[in-house]
């Protein structure tokens, strides 16, 4: 049976789960909620980099991304940070939608699937 690796699991979620060389992150939100959508996106992507590194991979191995925005009007500003973070030619399949997030101070939440 293949091993499932759970990173920083709590009773309700793990920060990341690895199975058969695929890494699935939780929906990552900013740690500092005082920033605008660009600052929050940068914080989220830094956390995703850390999670991917923990599992021996990086943003050159992205497969899929789910992005939730508090306000879809922030899509352009978020995309400025997102595209600067992506490696050239390395964009994943992606969905980006407006959503009511768990805390009204959250402006963006991102979930990634990558491979090792």
PDB file of N, CA and C in Angstrom:
ATOM      1  N   UNK A   1       0.843  -1.174   0.000  1.00  0.00           N
ATOM      2  CA  UNK A   1       0.000   0.000   0.000  1.00  0.00           C
ATOM      3  C   UNK A   1       0.890   1.240   0.000  1.00  0.00           C
ATOM      4  N   UNK A   2       0.527   2.246  -0.781  1.00  0.00           N
ATOM      5  CA  UNK A   2       1.295   3.488  -0.873  1.00  0.00           C
ATOM      6  C   UNK A   2       1.118   4.321   0.393  1.00  0.00           C
ATOM      7  N   UNK A   3       2.178   5.001   0.725  1.00  0.00           N
ATOM      8  CA  UNK A   3       2.197   5.822   1.930  1.00  0.00           C
ATOM      9  C   UNK A   3       1.565   7.185   1.658  1.00  0.00           C
ATOM     10  N   UNK A   4       0.773   7.673   2.595  1.00  0.00           N
ATOM     11  CA  UNK A   4       0.201   9.010   2.550  1.00  0.00           C
ATOM     12  C   UNK A   4       0.936   9.838   3.592  1.00  0.00           C
ATOM     13  N   UNK A   5       1.479  10.967   3.169  1.00  0.00           N
ATOM     14  CA  UNK A   5       2.217  11.849   4.081  1.00  0.00           C
ATOM     15  C   UNK A   5       1.369  13.091   4.326  1.00  0.00           C
ATOM     16  N   UNK A   6       1.064  13.357   5.583  1.00  0.00           N
ATOM     17  CA  UNK A   6       0.277  14.525   5.969  1.00  0.00           C
ATOM     18  C   UNK A   6       1.176  15.498   6.736  1.00  0.00           C
ATOM     19  N   UNK A   7       1.202  16.733   6.299  1.00  0.00           N
ATOM     20  CA  UNK A   7       2.044  17.758   6.917  1.00  0.00           C
ATOM     21  C   UNK A   7       1.214  18.605   7.871  1.00  0.00           C
ATOM     22  N   UNK A   8       1.674  18.670   9.127  1.00  0.00           N
ATOM     23  CA  UNK A   8       1.018  19.504  10.153  1.00  0.00           C
ATOM     24  C   UNK A   8      -0.488  19.252  10.214  1.00  0.00           C
ATOM     25  N   UNK A   9      -0.852  17.992  10.359  1.00  0.00           N
ATOM     26  CA  UNK A   9      -2.271  17.634  10.418  1.00  0.00           C
ATOM     27  C   UNK A   9      -2.886  18.040  11.751  1.00  0.00           C
ATOM     28  N   UNK A  10      -4.089  18.574  11.675  1.00  0.00           N
ATOM     29  CA  UNK A  10      -4.883  18.891  12.858  1.00  0.00           C
ATOM     30  C   UNK A  10      -6.123  18.001  12.806  1.00  0.00           C
ATOM     31  N   UNK A  11      -7.023  18.118  13.762  1.00  0.00           N
ATOM     32  CA  UNK A  11      -8.236  17.297  13.708  1.00  0.00           C
ATOM     33  C   UNK A  11      -9.109  17.569  12.479  1.00  0.00           C
ATOM     34  N   UNK A  12      -8.952  18.765  11.838  1.00  0.00           N
ATOM     35  CA  UNK A  12      -9.832  19.065  10.702  1.00  0.00           C
ATOM     36  C   UNK A  12      -9.140  19.158   9.353  1.00  0.00           C
ATOM     37  N   UNK A  13      -7.811  19.351   9.321  1.00  0.00           N
ATOM     38  CA  UNK A  13      -7.122  19.437   8.035  1.00  0.00           C
ATOM     39  C   UNK A  13      -5.631  19.262   8.204  1.00  0.00           C
ATOM     40  N   UNK A  14      -4.975  18.966   7.085  1.00  0.00           N
ATOM     41  CA  UNK A  14      -3.513  18.960   7.022  1.00  0.00           C
ATOM     42  C   UNK A  14      -3.101  20.124   6.128  1.00  0.00           C
ATOM     43  N   UNK A  15      -1.941  20.709   6.400  1.00  0.00           N
ATOM     44  CA  UNK A  15      -1.480  21.814   5.551  1.00  0.00           C
ATOM     45  C   UNK A  15      -1.173  21.329   4.139  1.00  0.00           C
ATOM     46  N   UNK A  16      -0.731  20.079   4.040  1.00  0.00           N
ATOM     47  CA  UNK A  16      -0.496  19.460   2.734  1.00  0.00           C
ATOM     48  C   UNK A  16      -0.595  17.956   2.901  1.00  0.00           C
ATOM     49  N   UNK A  17      -0.950  17.293   1.814  1.00  0.00           N
ATOM     50  CA  UNK A  17      -0.997  15.834   1.779  1.00  0.00           C
ATOM     51  C   UNK A  17      -0.264  15.388   0.518  1.00  0.00           C
ATOM     52  N   UNK A  18       0.629  14.409   0.679  1.00  0.00           N
ATOM     53  CA  UNK A  18       1.350  13.855  -0.463  1.00  0.00           C
ATOM     54  C   UNK A  18       0.974  12.393  -0.641  1.00  0.00           C
ATOM     55  N   UNK A  19       0.709  12.023  -1.884  1.00  0.00           N
ATOM     56  CA  UNK A  19       0.359  10.641  -2.206  1.00  0.00           C
ATOM     57  C   UNK A  19       0.804  10.351  -3.637  1.00  0.00           C
ATOM     58  N   UNK A  20       1.557   9.287  -3.814  1.00  0.00           N
ATOM     59  CA  UNK A  20       2.049   8.878  -5.134  1.00  0.00           C
ATOM     60  C   UNK A  20       2.756  10.010  -5.880  1.00  0.00           C
ATOM     61  N   UNK A  21       3.494  10.860  -5.147  1.00  0.00           N
ATOM     62  CA  UNK A  21       4.247  11.929  -5.773  1.00  0.00           C
ATOM     63  C   UNK A  21       3.449  13.184  -6.091  1.00  0.00           C
ATOM     64  N   UNK A  22       2.167  13.184  -5.716  1.00  0.00           N
ATOM     65  CA  UNK A  22       1.339  14.373  -5.887  1.00  0.00           C
ATOM     66  C   UNK A  22       1.201  15.079  -4.539  1.00  0.00           C
ATOM     67  N   UNK A  23       1.272  16.402  -4.553  1.00  0.00           N
ATOM     68  CA  UNK A  23       1.165  17.205  -3.334  1.00  0.00           C
ATOM     69  C   UNK A  23      -0.060  18.102  -3.467  1.00  0.00           C
ATOM     70  N   UNK A  24      -0.931  18.006  -2.475  1.00  0.00           N
ATOM     71  CA  UNK A  24      -2.163  18.798  -2.418  1.00  0.00           C
ATOM     72  C   UNK A  24      -2.066  19.715  -1.200  1.00  0.00           C
ATOM     73  N   UNK A  25      -2.168  21.012  -1.425  1.00  0.00           N
ATOM     74  CA  UNK A  25      -2.106  21.926  -0.279  1.00  0.00           C
ATOM     75  C   UNK A  25      -3.511  22.238   0.212  1.00  0.00           C
ATOM     76  N   UNK A  26      -3.565  22.691   1.436  1.00  0.00           N
ATOM     77  CA  UNK A  26      -4.813  23.240   1.965  1.00  0.00           C
ATOM     78  C   UNK A  26      -5.097  24.551   1.231  1.00  0.00           C
ATOM     79  N   UNK A  27      -6.248  25.119   1.465  1.00  0.00           N
ATOM     80  CA  UNK A  27      -6.507  26.474   1.012  1.00  0.00           C
ATOM     81  C   UNK A  27      -5.706  27.401   1.899  1.00  0.00           C
ATOM     82  N   UNK A  28      -4.711  28.067   1.336  1.00  0.00           N
ATOM     83  CA  UNK A  28      -3.784  28.895   2.110  1.00  0.00           C
ATOM     84  C   UNK A  28      -4.269  30.342   2.105  1.00  0.00           C
ATOM     85  N   UNK A  29      -4.314  30.936   3.286  1.00  0.00           N
ATOM     86  CA  UNK A  29      -4.690  32.342   3.440  1.00  0.00           C
ATOM     87  C   UNK A  29      -3.532  33.097   4.081  1.00  0.00           C
ATOM     88  N   UNK A  30      -3.575  34.408   3.973  1.00  0.00           N
ATOM     89  CA  UNK A  30      -2.500  35.248   4.495  1.00  0.00           C
ATOM     90  C   UNK A  30      -2.416  35.170   6.013  1.00  0.00           C
ATOM     91  N   UNK A  31      -1.205  35.296   6.510  1.00  0.00           N
ATOM     92  CA  UNK A  31      -0.984  35.363   7.964  1.00  0.00           C
ATOM     93  C   UNK A  31      -1.246  36.779   8.465  1.00  0.00           C
ATOM     94  N   UNK A  32      -0.846  37.776   7.670  1.00  0.00           N
ATOM     95  CA  UNK A  32      -1.068  39.178   8.022  1.00  0.00           C
ATOM     96  C   UNK A  32      -2.279  39.668   7.243  1.00  0.00           C
ATOM     97  N   UNK A  33      -3.352  39.936   7.941  1.00  0.00           N
ATOM     98  CA  UNK A  33      -4.605  40.311   7.292  1.00  0.00           C
ATOM     99  C   UNK A  33      -4.767  41.819   7.133  1.00  0.00           C
ATOM    100  N   UNK A  34      -3.729  42.584   7.449  1.00  0.00           N
ATOM    101  CA  UNK A  34      -3.797  44.033   7.309  1.00  0.00           C
ATOM    102  C   UNK A  34      -3.481  44.499   5.892  1.00  0.00           C
ATOM    103  N   UNK A  35      -2.878  43.629   5.066  1.00  0.00           N
ATOM    104  CA  UNK A  35      -2.454  44.037   3.735  1.00  0.00           C
ATOM    105  C   UNK A  35      -3.571  44.005   2.709  1.00  0.00           C
ATOM    106  N   UNK A  36      -3.299  44.636   1.557  1.00  0.00           N
ATOM    107  CA  UNK A  36      -4.234  44.596   0.439  1.00  0.00           C
ATOM    108  C   UNK A  36      -4.116  43.242  -0.267  1.00  0.00           C
ATOM    109  N   UNK A  37      -4.847  43.060  -1.355  1.00  0.00           N
ATOM    110  CA  UNK A  37      -4.859  41.756  -2.024  1.00  0.00           C
ATOM    111  C   UNK A  37      -3.478  41.378  -2.557  1.00  0.00           C
ATOM    112  N   UNK A  38      -2.682  42.338  -2.989  1.00  0.00           N
ATOM    113  CA  UNK A  38      -1.331  42.018  -3.455  1.00  0.00           C
ATOM    114  C   UNK A  38      -0.463  41.509  -2.310  1.00  0.00           C
ATOM    115  N   UNK A  39      -0.511  42.195  -1.180  1.00  0.00           N
ATOM    116  CA  UNK A  39       0.281  41.773  -0.017  1.00  0.00           C
ATOM    117  C   UNK A  39      -0.170  40.405   0.474  1.00  0.00           C
ATOM    118  N   UNK A  40      -1.481  40.190   0.528  1.00  0.00           N
ATOM    119  CA  UNK A  40      -1.982  38.893   0.978  1.00  0.00           C
ATOM    120  C   UNK A  40      -1.601  37.789  -0.010  1.00  0.00           C
ATOM    121  N   UNK A  41      -1.680  38.064  -1.300  1.00  0.00           N
ATOM    122  CA  UNK A  41      -1.306  37.053  -2.298  1.00  0.00           C
ATOM    123  C   UNK A  41       0.168  36.700  -2.161  1.00  0.00           C
ATOM    124  N   UNK A  42       1.022  37.697  -1.988  1.00  0.00           N
ATOM    125  CA  UNK A  42       2.458  37.442  -1.806  1.00  0.00           C
ATOM    126  C   UNK A  42       2.692  36.551  -0.590  1.00  0.00           C
ATOM    127  N   UNK A  43       2.022  36.831   0.513  1.00  0.00           N
ATOM    128  CA  UNK A  43       2.134  36.033   1.731  1.00  0.00           C
ATOM    129  C   UNK A  43       1.671  34.595   1.478  1.00  0.00           C
ATOM    130  N   UNK A  44       0.548  34.442   0.801  1.00  0.00           N
ATOM    131  CA  UNK A  44       0.014  33.111   0.505  1.00  0.00           C
ATOM    132  C   UNK A  44       1.007  32.328  -0.351  1.00  0.00           C
ATOM    133  N   UNK A  45       1.550  32.954  -1.381  1.00  0.00           N
ATOM    134  CA  UNK A  45       2.485  32.246  -2.273  1.00  0.00           C
ATOM    135  C   UNK A  45       3.779  31.887  -1.555  1.00  0.00           C
ATOM    136  N   UNK A  46       4.238  32.718  -0.632  1.00  0.00           N
ATOM    137  CA  UNK A  46       5.412  32.369   0.185  1.00  0.00           C
ATOM    138  C   UNK A  46       5.120  31.115   1.008  1.00  0.00           C
ATOM    139  N   UNK A  47       3.927  31.027   1.582  1.00  0.00           N
ATOM    140  CA  UNK A  47       3.557  29.846   2.358  1.00  0.00           C
ATOM    141  C   UNK A  47       3.463  28.607   1.466  1.00  0.00           C
ATOM    142  N   UNK A  48       2.929  28.778   0.273  1.00  0.00           N
ATOM    143  CA  UNK A  48       2.853  27.655  -0.662  1.00  0.00           C
ATOM    144  C   UNK A  48       4.252  27.187  -1.042  1.00  0.00           C
ATOM    145  N   UNK A  49       5.168  28.124  -1.287  1.00  0.00           N
ATOM    146  CA  UNK A  49       6.560  27.747  -1.566  1.00  0.00           C
ATOM    147  C   UNK A  49       7.119  26.883  -0.438  1.00  0.00           C
ATOM    148  N   UNK A  50       6.859  27.282   0.806  1.00  0.00           N
ATOM    149  CA  UNK A  50       7.346  26.529   1.964  1.00  0.00           C
ATOM    150  C   UNK A  50       6.746  25.124   2.007  1.00  0.00           C
ATOM    151  N   UNK A  51       5.441  25.015   1.758  1.00  0.00           N
ATOM    152  CA  UNK A  51       4.796  23.696   1.763  1.00  0.00           C
ATOM    153  C   UNK A  51       5.351  22.810   0.651  1.00  0.00           C
ATOM    154  N   UNK A  52       5.513  23.370  -0.533  1.00  0.00           N
ATOM    155  CA  UNK A  52       6.040  22.585  -1.643  1.00  0.00           C
ATOM    156  C   UNK A  52       7.465  22.132  -1.354  1.00  0.00           C
ATOM    157  N   UNK A  53       8.279  23.019  -0.793  1.00  0.00           N
ATOM    158  CA  UNK A  53       9.657  22.668  -0.450  1.00  0.00           C
ATOM    159  C   UNK A  53       9.693  21.529   0.578  1.00  0.00           C
ATOM    160  N   UNK A  54       8.797  21.568   1.541  1.00  0.00           N
ATOM    161  CA  UNK A  54       8.714  20.496   2.543  1.00  0.00           C
ATOM    162  C   UNK A  54       8.518  19.138   1.872  1.00  0.00           C
ATOM    163  N   UNK A  55       7.837  19.143   0.743  1.00  0.00           N
ATOM    164  CA  UNK A  55       7.547  17.899   0.027  1.00  0.00           C
ATOM    165  C   UNK A  55       8.472  17.670  -1.162  1.00  0.00           C
ATOM    166  N   UNK A  56       9.575  18.408  -1.218  1.00  0.00           N
ATOM    167  CA  UNK A  56      10.588  18.161  -2.233  1.00  0.00           C
ATOM    168  C   UNK A  56      10.211  18.612  -3.634  1.00  0.00           C
ATOM    169  N   UNK A  57       9.394  19.633  -3.727  1.00  0.00           N
ATOM    170  CA  UNK A  57       9.021  20.149  -5.037  1.00  0.00           C
ATOM    171  C   UNK A  57       8.948  21.670  -4.987  1.00  0.00           C
ATOM    172  N   UNK A  58       8.518  22.279  -6.079  1.00  0.00           N
ATOM    173  CA  UNK A  58       8.436  23.743  -6.129  1.00  0.00           C
ATOM    174  C   UNK A  58       7.411  24.166  -7.173  1.00  0.00           C
ATOM    175  N   UNK A  59       7.342  25.481  -7.413  1.00  0.00           N
ATOM    176  CA  UNK A  59       6.296  25.987  -8.302  1.00  0.00           C
ATOM    177  C   UNK A  59       6.559  25.704  -9.790  1.00  0.00           C
ATOM    178  N   UNK A  60       7.660  25.048 -10.114  1.00  0.00           N
ATOM    179  CA  UNK A  60       7.872  24.610 -11.497  1.00  0.00           C
ATOM    180  C   UNK A  60       7.111  23.316 -11.789  1.00  0.00           C
ATOM    181  N   UNK A  61       6.513  22.735 -10.763  1.00  0.00           N
ATOM    182  CA  UNK A  61       5.829  21.434 -10.902  1.00  0.00           C
ATOM    183  C   UNK A  61       4.333  21.552 -10.605  1.00  0.00           C
ATOM    184  N   UNK A  62       3.764  22.739 -10.786  1.00  0.00           N
ATOM    185  CA  UNK A  62       2.343  22.968 -10.523  1.00  0.00           C
ATOM    186  C   UNK A  62       1.478  22.276 -11.563  1.00  0.00           C
ATOM    187  N   UNK A  63       0.382  21.705 -11.103  1.00  0.00           N
ATOM    188  CA  UNK A  63      -0.588  21.084 -11.998  1.00  0.00           C
ATOM    189  C   UNK A  63      -1.905  21.846 -12.028  1.00  0.00           C
ATOM    190  N   UNK A  64      -2.355  22.257 -10.850  1.00  0.00           N
ATOM    191  CA  UNK A  64      -3.677  22.872 -10.743  1.00  0.00           C
ATOM    192  C   UNK A  64      -3.698  23.877  -9.604  1.00  0.00           C
ATOM    193  N   UNK A  65      -4.507  24.928  -9.763  1.00  0.00           N
ATOM    194  CA  UNK A  65      -4.687  25.925  -8.704  1.00  0.00           C
ATOM    195  C   UNK A  65      -6.158  26.307  -8.626  1.00  0.00           C
ATOM    196  N   UNK A  66      -6.623  26.469  -7.402  1.00  0.00           N
ATOM    197  CA  UNK A  66      -7.961  26.994  -7.120  1.00  0.00           C
ATOM    198  C   UNK A  66      -7.741  28.282  -6.349  1.00  0.00           C
ATOM    199  N   UNK A  67      -8.328  29.376  -6.836  1.00  0.00           N
ATOM    200  CA  UNK A  67      -8.159  30.672  -6.192  1.00  0.00           C
ATOM    201  C   UNK A  67      -9.531  31.248  -5.879  1.00  0.00           C
ATOM    202  N   UNK A  68      -9.692  31.637  -4.622  1.00  0.00           N
ATOM    203  CA  UNK A  68     -10.923  32.286  -4.178  1.00  0.00           C
ATOM    204  C   UNK A  68     -10.579  33.714  -3.797  1.00  0.00           C
ATOM    205  N   UNK A  69     -11.344  34.663  -4.330  1.00  0.00           N
ATOM    206  CA  UNK A  69     -11.176  36.081  -4.002  1.00  0.00           C
ATOM    207  C   UNK A  69     -12.413  36.590  -3.285  1.00  0.00           C
ATOM    208  N   UNK A  70     -12.207  37.444  -2.303  1.00  0.00           N
ATOM    209  CA  UNK A  70     -13.343  38.077  -1.637  1.00  0.00           C
ATOM    210  C   UNK A  70     -14.098  38.941  -2.643  1.00  0.00           C
ATOM    211  N   UNK A  71     -13.354  39.605  -3.522  1.00  0.00           N
ATOM    212  CA  UNK A  71     -13.949  40.487  -4.521  1.00  0.00           C
ATOM    213  C   UNK A  71     -13.275  40.210  -5.864  1.00  0.00           C
ATOM    214  N   UNK A  72     -14.033  39.728  -6.836  1.00  0.00           N
ATOM    215  CA  UNK A  72     -13.464  39.381  -8.140  1.00  0.00           C
ATOM    216  C   UNK A  72     -12.839  40.595  -8.825  1.00  0.00           C
ATOM    217  N   UNK A  73     -13.207  41.802  -8.404  1.00  0.00           N
ATOM    218  CA  UNK A  73     -12.578  43.010  -8.943  1.00  0.00           C
ATOM    219  C   UNK A  73     -11.081  43.070  -8.602  1.00  0.00           C
ATOM    220  N   UNK A  74     -10.634  42.285  -7.616  1.00  0.00           N
ATOM    221  CA  UNK A  74      -9.220  42.226  -7.228  1.00  0.00           C
ATOM    222  C   UNK A  74      -8.418  41.254  -8.092  1.00  0.00           C
ATOM    223  N   UNK A  75      -9.068  40.624  -9.063  1.00  0.00           N
ATOM    224  CA  UNK A  75      -8.411  39.603  -9.884  1.00  0.00           C
ATOM    225  C   UNK A  75      -7.164  40.153 -10.585  1.00  0.00           C
ATOM    226  N   UNK A  76      -7.249  41.332 -11.158  1.00  0.00           N
ATOM    227  CA  UNK A  76      -6.102  41.909 -11.852  1.00  0.00           C
ATOM    228  C   UNK A  76      -4.915  42.141 -10.938  1.00  0.00           C
ATOM    229  N   UNK A  77      -5.163  42.702  -9.765  1.00  0.00           N
ATOM    230  CA  UNK A  77      -4.088  42.947  -8.800  1.00  0.00           C
ATOM    231  C   UNK A  77      -3.488  41.630  -8.312  1.00  0.00           C
ATOM    232  N   UNK A  78      -4.343  40.650  -8.018  1.00  0.00           N
ATOM    233  CA  UNK A  78      -3.847  39.338  -7.593  1.00  0.00           C
ATOM    234  C   UNK A  78      -3.020  38.714  -8.705  1.00  0.00           C
ATOM    235  N   UNK A  79      -3.490  38.812  -9.961  1.00  0.00           N
ATOM    236  CA  UNK A  79      -2.772  38.220 -11.096  1.00  0.00           C
ATOM    237  C   UNK A  79      -1.395  38.834 -11.304  1.00  0.00           C
ATOM    238  N   UNK A  80      -1.208  40.101 -10.944  1.00  0.00           N
ATOM    239  CA  UNK A  80       0.124  40.709 -11.054  1.00  0.00           C
ATOM    240  C   UNK A  80       1.131  39.961 -10.191  1.00  0.00           C
ATOM    241  N   UNK A  81       0.736  39.645  -8.968  1.00  0.00           N
ATOM    242  CA  UNK A  81       1.618  38.915  -8.054  1.00  0.00           C
ATOM    243  C   UNK A  81       1.729  37.458  -8.499  1.00  0.00           C
ATOM    244  N   UNK A  82       0.614  36.862  -8.874  1.00  0.00           N
ATOM    245  CA  UNK A  82       0.568  35.465  -9.317  1.00  0.00           C
ATOM    246  C   UNK A  82       1.492  35.238 -10.506  1.00  0.00           C
ATOM    247  N   UNK A  83       1.369  36.065 -11.551  1.00  0.00           N
ATOM    248  CA  UNK A  83       2.172  35.841 -12.759  1.00  0.00           C
ATOM    249  C   UNK A  83       3.659  36.090 -12.503  1.00  0.00           C
ATOM    250  N   UNK A  84       3.990  37.015 -11.608  1.00  0.00           N
ATOM    251  CA  UNK A  84       5.397  37.237 -11.252  1.00  0.00           C
ATOM    252  C   UNK A  84       5.972  36.023 -10.526  1.00  0.00           C
ATOM    253  N   UNK A  85       5.123  35.293  -9.802  1.00  0.00           N
ATOM    254  CA  UNK A  85       5.558  34.118  -9.032  1.00  0.00           C
ATOM    255  C   UNK A  85       5.719  32.887  -9.924  1.00  0.00           C
ATOM    256  N   UNK A  86       4.914  32.783 -10.961  1.00  0.00           N
ATOM    257  CA  UNK A  86       4.953  31.598 -11.820  1.00  0.00           C
ATOM    258  C   UNK A  86       6.229  31.554 -12.651  1.00  0.00           C
ATOM    259  N   UNK A  87       6.788  30.358 -12.837  1.00  0.00           N
ATOM    260  CA  UNK A  87       7.914  30.234 -13.763  1.00  0.00           C
ATOM    261  C   UNK A  87       7.400  30.406 -15.198  1.00  0.00           C
ATOM    262  N   UNK A  88       8.240  30.930 -16.069  1.00  0.00           N
ATOM    263  CA  UNK A  88       7.836  31.143 -17.457  1.00  0.00           C
ATOM    264  C   UNK A  88       7.384  29.826 -18.084  1.00  0.00           C
ATOM    265  N   UNK A  89       6.207  29.846 -18.669  1.00  0.00           N
ATOM    266  CA  UNK A  89       5.659  28.649 -19.308  1.00  0.00           C
ATOM    267  C   UNK A  89       5.141  27.609 -18.333  1.00  0.00           C
ATOM    268  N   UNK A  90       5.030  27.953 -17.049  1.00  0.00           N
ATOM    269  CA  UNK A  90       4.668  26.977 -16.028  1.00  0.00           C
ATOM    270  C   UNK A  90       3.315  27.173 -15.390  1.00  0.00           C
ATOM    271  N   UNK A  91       2.404  27.869 -16.074  1.00  0.00           N
ATOM    272  CA  UNK A  91       1.086  28.106 -15.476  1.00  0.00           C
ATOM    273  C   UNK A  91       0.297  26.804 -15.357  1.00  0.00           C
ATOM    274  N   UNK A  92      -0.350  26.576 -14.214  1.00  0.00           N
ATOM    275  CA  UNK A  92      -1.174  25.375 -14.037  1.00  0.00           C
ATOM    276  C   UNK A  92      -2.579  25.593 -14.604  1.00  0.00           C
ATOM    277  N   UNK A  93      -3.352  24.524 -14.678  1.00  0.00           N
ATOM    278  CA  UNK A  93      -4.796  24.678 -14.889  1.00  0.00           C
ATOM    279  C   UNK A  93      -5.312  25.425 -13.665  1.00  0.00           C
ATOM    280  N   UNK A  94      -6.273  26.347 -13.878  1.00  0.00           N
ATOM    281  CA  UNK A  94      -6.639  27.212 -12.761  1.00  0.00           C
ATOM    282  C   UNK A  94      -8.096  27.636 -12.826  1.00  0.00           C
ATOM    283  N   UNK A  95      -8.676  27.774 -11.640  1.00  0.00           N
ATOM    284  CA  UNK A  95      -9.984  28.403 -11.484  1.00  0.00           C
ATOM    285  C   UNK A  95      -9.802  29.570 -10.534  1.00  0.00           C
ATOM    286  N   UNK A  96     -10.520  30.660 -10.789  1.00  0.00           N
ATOM    287  CA  UNK A  96     -10.467  31.838  -9.928  1.00  0.00           C
ATOM    288  C   UNK A  96     -11.887  32.371  -9.820  1.00  0.00           C
ATOM    289  N   UNK A  97     -12.422  32.363  -8.611  1.00  0.00           N
ATOM    290  CA  UNK A  97     -13.813  32.765  -8.408  1.00  0.00           C
ATOM    291  C   UNK A  97     -13.938  33.702  -7.214  1.00  0.00           C
ATOM    292  N   UNK A  98     -15.029  34.431  -7.184  1.00  0.00           N
ATOM    293  CA  UNK A  98     -15.378  35.245  -6.022  1.00  0.00           C
ATOM    294  C   UNK A  98     -16.096  34.349  -5.024  1.00  0.00           C
ATOM    295  N   UNK A  99     -15.795  34.559  -3.747  1.00  0.00           N
ATOM    296  CA  UNK A  99     -16.371  33.701  -2.721  1.00  0.00           C
ATOM    297  C   UNK A  99     -16.445  34.431  -1.385  1.00  0.00           C
ATOM    298  N   UNK A 100     -17.376  34.010  -0.551  1.00  0.00           N
ATOM    299  CA  UNK A 100     -17.398  34.467   0.832  1.00  0.00           C
ATOM    300  C   UNK A 100     -16.388  33.595   1.570  1.00  0.00           C
ATOM    301  N   UNK A 101     -15.336  34.213   2.107  1.00  0.00           N
ATOM    302  CA  UNK A 101     -14.277  33.467   2.787  1.00  0.00           C
ATOM    303  C   UNK A 101     -14.561  33.390   4.282  1.00  0.00           C
ATOM    304  N   UNK A 102     -13.840  32.523   4.977  1.00  0.00           N
ATOM    305  CA  UNK A 102     -14.130  32.215   6.378  1.00  0.00           C
ATOM    306  C   UNK A 102     -13.993  33.408   7.320  1.00  0.00           C
ATOM    307  N   UNK A 103     -13.139  34.354   6.981  1.00  0.00           N
ATOM    308  CA  UNK A 103     -12.947  35.565   7.784  1.00  0.00           C
ATOM    309  C   UNK A 103     -13.076  36.745   6.825  1.00  0.00           C
ATOM    310  N   UNK A 104     -13.860  37.741   7.135  1.00  0.00           N
ATOM    311  CA  UNK A 104     -14.050  38.853   6.205  1.00  0.00           C
ATOM    312  C   UNK A 104     -12.764  39.630   5.891  1.00  0.00           C
ATOM    313  N   UNK A 105     -11.715  39.439   6.672  1.00  0.00           N
ATOM    314  CA  UNK A 105     -10.432  40.103   6.401  1.00  0.00           C
ATOM    315  C   UNK A 105      -9.616  39.361   5.343  1.00  0.00           C
ATOM    316  N   UNK A 106      -9.965  38.074   5.076  1.00  0.00           N
ATOM    317  CA  UNK A 106      -9.281  37.326   4.023  1.00  0.00           C
ATOM    318  C   UNK A 106      -9.692  37.902   2.677  1.00  0.00           C
ATOM    319  N   UNK A 107      -8.703  38.231   1.851  1.00  0.00           N
ATOM    320  CA  UNK A 107      -8.977  38.754   0.520  1.00  0.00           C
ATOM    321  C   UNK A 107      -8.732  37.714  -0.566  1.00  0.00           C
ATOM    322  N   UNK A 108      -7.904  36.710  -0.254  1.00  0.00           N
ATOM    323  CA  UNK A 108      -7.553  35.675  -1.225  1.00  0.00           C
ATOM    324  C   UNK A 108      -7.232  34.370  -0.491  1.00  0.00           C
ATOM    325  N   UNK A 109      -7.592  33.266  -1.110  1.00  0.00           N
ATOM    326  CA  UNK A 109      -7.239  31.930  -0.619  1.00  0.00           C
ATOM    327  C   UNK A 109      -6.848  31.110  -1.835  1.00  0.00           C
ATOM    328  N   UNK A 110      -5.728  30.376  -1.723  1.00  0.00           N
ATOM    329  CA  UNK A 110      -5.223  29.606  -2.859  1.00  0.00           C
ATOM    330  C   UNK A 110      -4.915  28.190  -2.424  1.00  0.00           C
ATOM    331  N   UNK A 111      -5.324  27.231  -3.249  1.00  0.00           N
ATOM    332  CA  UNK A 111      -5.062  25.806  -3.040  1.00  0.00           C
ATOM    333  C   UNK A 111      -4.330  25.281  -4.298  1.00  0.00           C
ATOM    334  N   UNK A 112      -3.276  24.534  -4.099  1.00  0.00           N
ATOM    335  CA  UNK A 112      -2.417  24.072  -5.182  1.00  0.00           C
ATOM    336  C   UNK A 112      -2.348  22.546  -5.207  1.00  0.00           C
ATOM    337  N   UNK A 113      -2.261  21.989  -6.400  1.00  0.00           N
ATOM    338  CA  UNK A 113      -1.859  20.603  -6.601  1.00  0.00           C
ATOM    339  C   UNK A 113      -0.579  20.636  -7.431  1.00  0.00           C
ATOM    340  N   UNK A 114       0.440  19.926  -6.963  1.00  0.00           N
ATOM    341  CA  UNK A 114       1.723  19.859  -7.662  1.00  0.00           C
ATOM    342  C   UNK A 114       2.216  18.419  -7.653  1.00  0.00           C
ATOM    343  N   UNK A 115       3.241  18.154  -8.414  1.00  0.00           N
ATOM    344  CA  UNK A 115       3.870  16.827  -8.374  1.00  0.00           C
ATOM    345  C   UNK A 115       5.335  16.987  -7.991  1.00  0.00           C
ATOM    346  N   UNK A 116       5.908  15.882  -7.550  1.00  0.00           N
ATOM    347  CA  UNK A 116       7.329  15.901  -7.170  1.00  0.00           C
ATOM    348  C   UNK A 116       8.189  15.731  -8.386  1.00  0.00           C
TER     349      UNK A 116
END
